[in-house]
Structure formats: C-alpha cells, structure tokens
C-alpha atoms as a PDB file:
ATOM      1  CA  MET A   1       0.000   0.000   0.000  1.00  0.00           C
ATOM      2  CA  VAL A   2       1.171   3.506  -0.705  1.00  0.00           C
ATOM      3  CA  ARG A   3       2.581   5.227   2.351  1.00  0.00           C
ATOM      4  CA  GLY A   4       0.184   7.767   3.818  1.00  0.00           C
ATOM      5  CA  LEU A   5      -2.774   6.443   1.841  1.00  0.00           C
ATOM      6  CA  GLU A   6      -4.224   4.853   4.995  1.00  0.00           C
ATOM      7  CA  ARG A   7      -4.780   8.270   6.531  1.00  0.00           C
ATOM      8  CA  VAL A   8      -6.336   9.706   3.393  1.00  0.00           C
ATOM      9  CA  LEU A   9      -8.759   6.786   3.095  1.00  0.00           C
ATOM     10  CA  GLY A  10      -9.380   6.531   6.848  1.00  0.00           C
ATOM     11  CA  LEU A  11      -8.071   2.964   7.130  1.00  0.00           C
ATOM     12  CA  TYR A  12      -6.643   1.384  10.271  1.00  0.00           C
ATOM     13  CA  SER A  13      -3.515  -0.727  10.590  1.00  0.00           C
ATOM     14  CA  HIS A  14      -3.715  -4.479  11.024  1.00  0.00           C
ATOM     15  CA  ALA A  15      -2.779  -4.208  14.709  1.00  0.00           C
ATOM     16  CA  GLN A  16      -5.540  -1.680  15.369  1.00  0.00           C
ATOM     17  CA  ARG A  17      -8.123  -3.824  13.559  1.00  0.00           C
ATOM     18  CA  SER A  18      -7.074  -6.920  15.527  1.00  0.00           C
ATOM     19  CA  LEU A  19      -7.312  -5.065  18.833  1.00  0.00           C
ATOM     20  CA  ARG A  20     -10.765  -3.748  17.940  1.00  0.00           C
ATOM     21  CA  GLU A  21     -11.997  -7.231  17.002  1.00  0.00           C
ATOM     22  CA  ASP A  22     -10.639  -8.676  20.259  1.00  0.00           C
ATOM     23  CA  LEU A  23     -12.352  -5.981  22.321  1.00  0.00           C
ATOM     24  CA  ILE A  24     -15.640  -6.610  20.529  1.00  0.00           C
ATOM     25  CA  GLU A  25     -15.378 -10.347  21.282  1.00  0.00           C
ATOM     26  CA  VAL A  26     -14.670  -9.686  24.969  1.00  0.00           C
ATOM     27  CA  TYR A  27     -17.722  -7.421  25.119  1.00  0.00           C
ATOM     28  CA  LYS A  28     -19.898 -10.110  23.527  1.00  0.00           C
ATOM     29  CA  ILE A  29     -18.671 -12.793  25.942  1.00  0.00           C
ATOM     30  CA  LEU A  30     -19.082 -10.672  29.071  1.00  0.00           C
ATOM     31  CA  ASN A  31     -22.573  -9.488  28.122  1.00  0.00           C
ATOM     32  CA  GLY A  32     -23.887 -12.932  27.148  1.00  0.00           C
ATOM     33  CA  LYS A  33     -24.203 -12.208  23.430  1.00  0.00           C
ATOM     34  CA  ASP A  34     -21.862 -15.089  22.567  1.00  0.00           C
ATOM     35  CA  THR A  35     -22.118 -18.781  23.470  1.00  0.00           C
ATOM     36  CA  VAL A  36     -18.814 -18.951  25.377  1.00  0.00           C
ATOM     37  CA  ASP A  37     -19.002 -19.630  29.125  1.00  0.00           C
ATOM     38  CA  LYS A  38     -17.834 -16.545  31.040  1.00  0.00           C
ATOM     39  CA  ALA A  39     -16.360 -18.624  33.863  1.00  0.00           C
ATOM     40  CA  THR A  40     -13.939 -20.463  31.579  1.00  0.00           C
ATOM     41  CA  PHE A  41     -13.033 -17.308  29.675  1.00  0.00           C
ATOM     42  CA  SER A  42     -12.049 -15.034  32.570  1.00  0.00           C
ATOM     43  CA  LYS A  43     -12.829 -13.975  36.113  1.00  0.00           C
ATOM     44  CA  LEU A  44     -14.185 -10.667  37.270  1.00  0.00           C
ATOM     45  CA  SER A  45     -12.000  -8.701  39.635  1.00  0.00           C
ATOM     46  CA  PRO A  46     -12.791  -9.144  43.348  1.00  0.00           C
ATOM     47  CA  THR A  47     -12.808  -5.350  43.668  1.00  0.00           C
ATOM     48  CA  ALA A  48     -15.334  -4.989  40.841  1.00  0.00           C
ATOM     49  CA  SER A  49     -18.161  -4.120  43.215  1.00  0.00           C
ATOM     50  CA  THR A  50     -16.255  -1.109  44.590  1.00  0.00           C
ATOM     51  CA  LEU A  51     -15.330   0.400  41.225  1.00  0.00           C
ATOM     52  CA  ARG A  52     -16.745   3.682  40.045  1.00  0.00           C
ATOM     53  CA  GLY A  53     -18.435   3.515  36.682  1.00  0.00           C
ATOM     54  CA  HIS A  54     -18.636  -0.207  35.932  1.00  0.00           C
ATOM     55  CA  SER A  55     -18.493  -3.636  37.508  1.00  0.00           C
ATOM     56  CA  MET A  56     -16.961  -5.547  34.595  1.00  0.00           C
ATOM     57  CA  LYS A  57     -13.258  -5.226  35.400  1.00  0.00           C
ATOM     58  CA  LEU A  58     -11.389  -8.428  34.531  1.00  0.00           C
ATOM     59  CA  PHE A  59      -8.989 -10.155  36.891  1.00  0.00           C
ATOM     60  CA  LEU A  60      -5.624 -10.981  35.335  1.00  0.00           C
ATOM     61  CA  PRO A  61      -3.531 -13.332  37.483  1.00  0.00           C
ATOM     62  CA  ARG A  62       0.127 -12.430  37.673  1.00  0.00           C
ATOM     63  CA  ALA A  63       2.743 -14.942  36.625  1.00  0.00           C
ATOM     64  CA  ARG A  64       4.918 -16.116  39.478  1.00  0.00           C
ATOM     65  CA  LEU A  65       7.777 -17.240  37.273  1.00  0.00           C
ATOM     66  CA  HIS A  66       9.220 -15.497  34.237  1.00  0.00           C
ATOM     67  CA  VAL A  67       8.691 -18.683  32.177  1.00  0.00           C
ATOM     68  CA  ARG A  68       4.915 -18.416  32.495  1.00  0.00           C
ATOM     69  CA  LYS A  69       4.787 -14.848  31.152  1.00  0.00           C
END
C-alpha cells in the first residue's frame, strides 16, 4: 500500500483492527451475546463491586515465574 494512503482513506492498521476485534469479542462474551461460558473465559475482579463507573473489570492473574509470562 502507498505510504500515507491509509490516513487519506481513513483505514486502520492491522494491529488496530485486531485489537478492535478482540475488544468486541470480549464485550460479547461478558454481556452474554456469545455462546462462550464466562467462567472459563475469565474472572471478574474481586474489587469490581467497589469500582466507580462499571463492575466488569477483569482479573488478570500475575505470573509467578518469568517462564509463564
């Protein structure tokens, strides 16, 4: 593709499109619009009930060893 043409046409890069698609899928799973079980997909944060604005914060466990990262 010609350099700079993406901006003129209003196109997004591949990384931006992939991120957008992933965020849309997470939204669908968390709101029950997809057939994936929420419990196997992720856990909600234990502090989700005390958050301002929303209660859908995801819990991401930290890796104990560098190998698991």
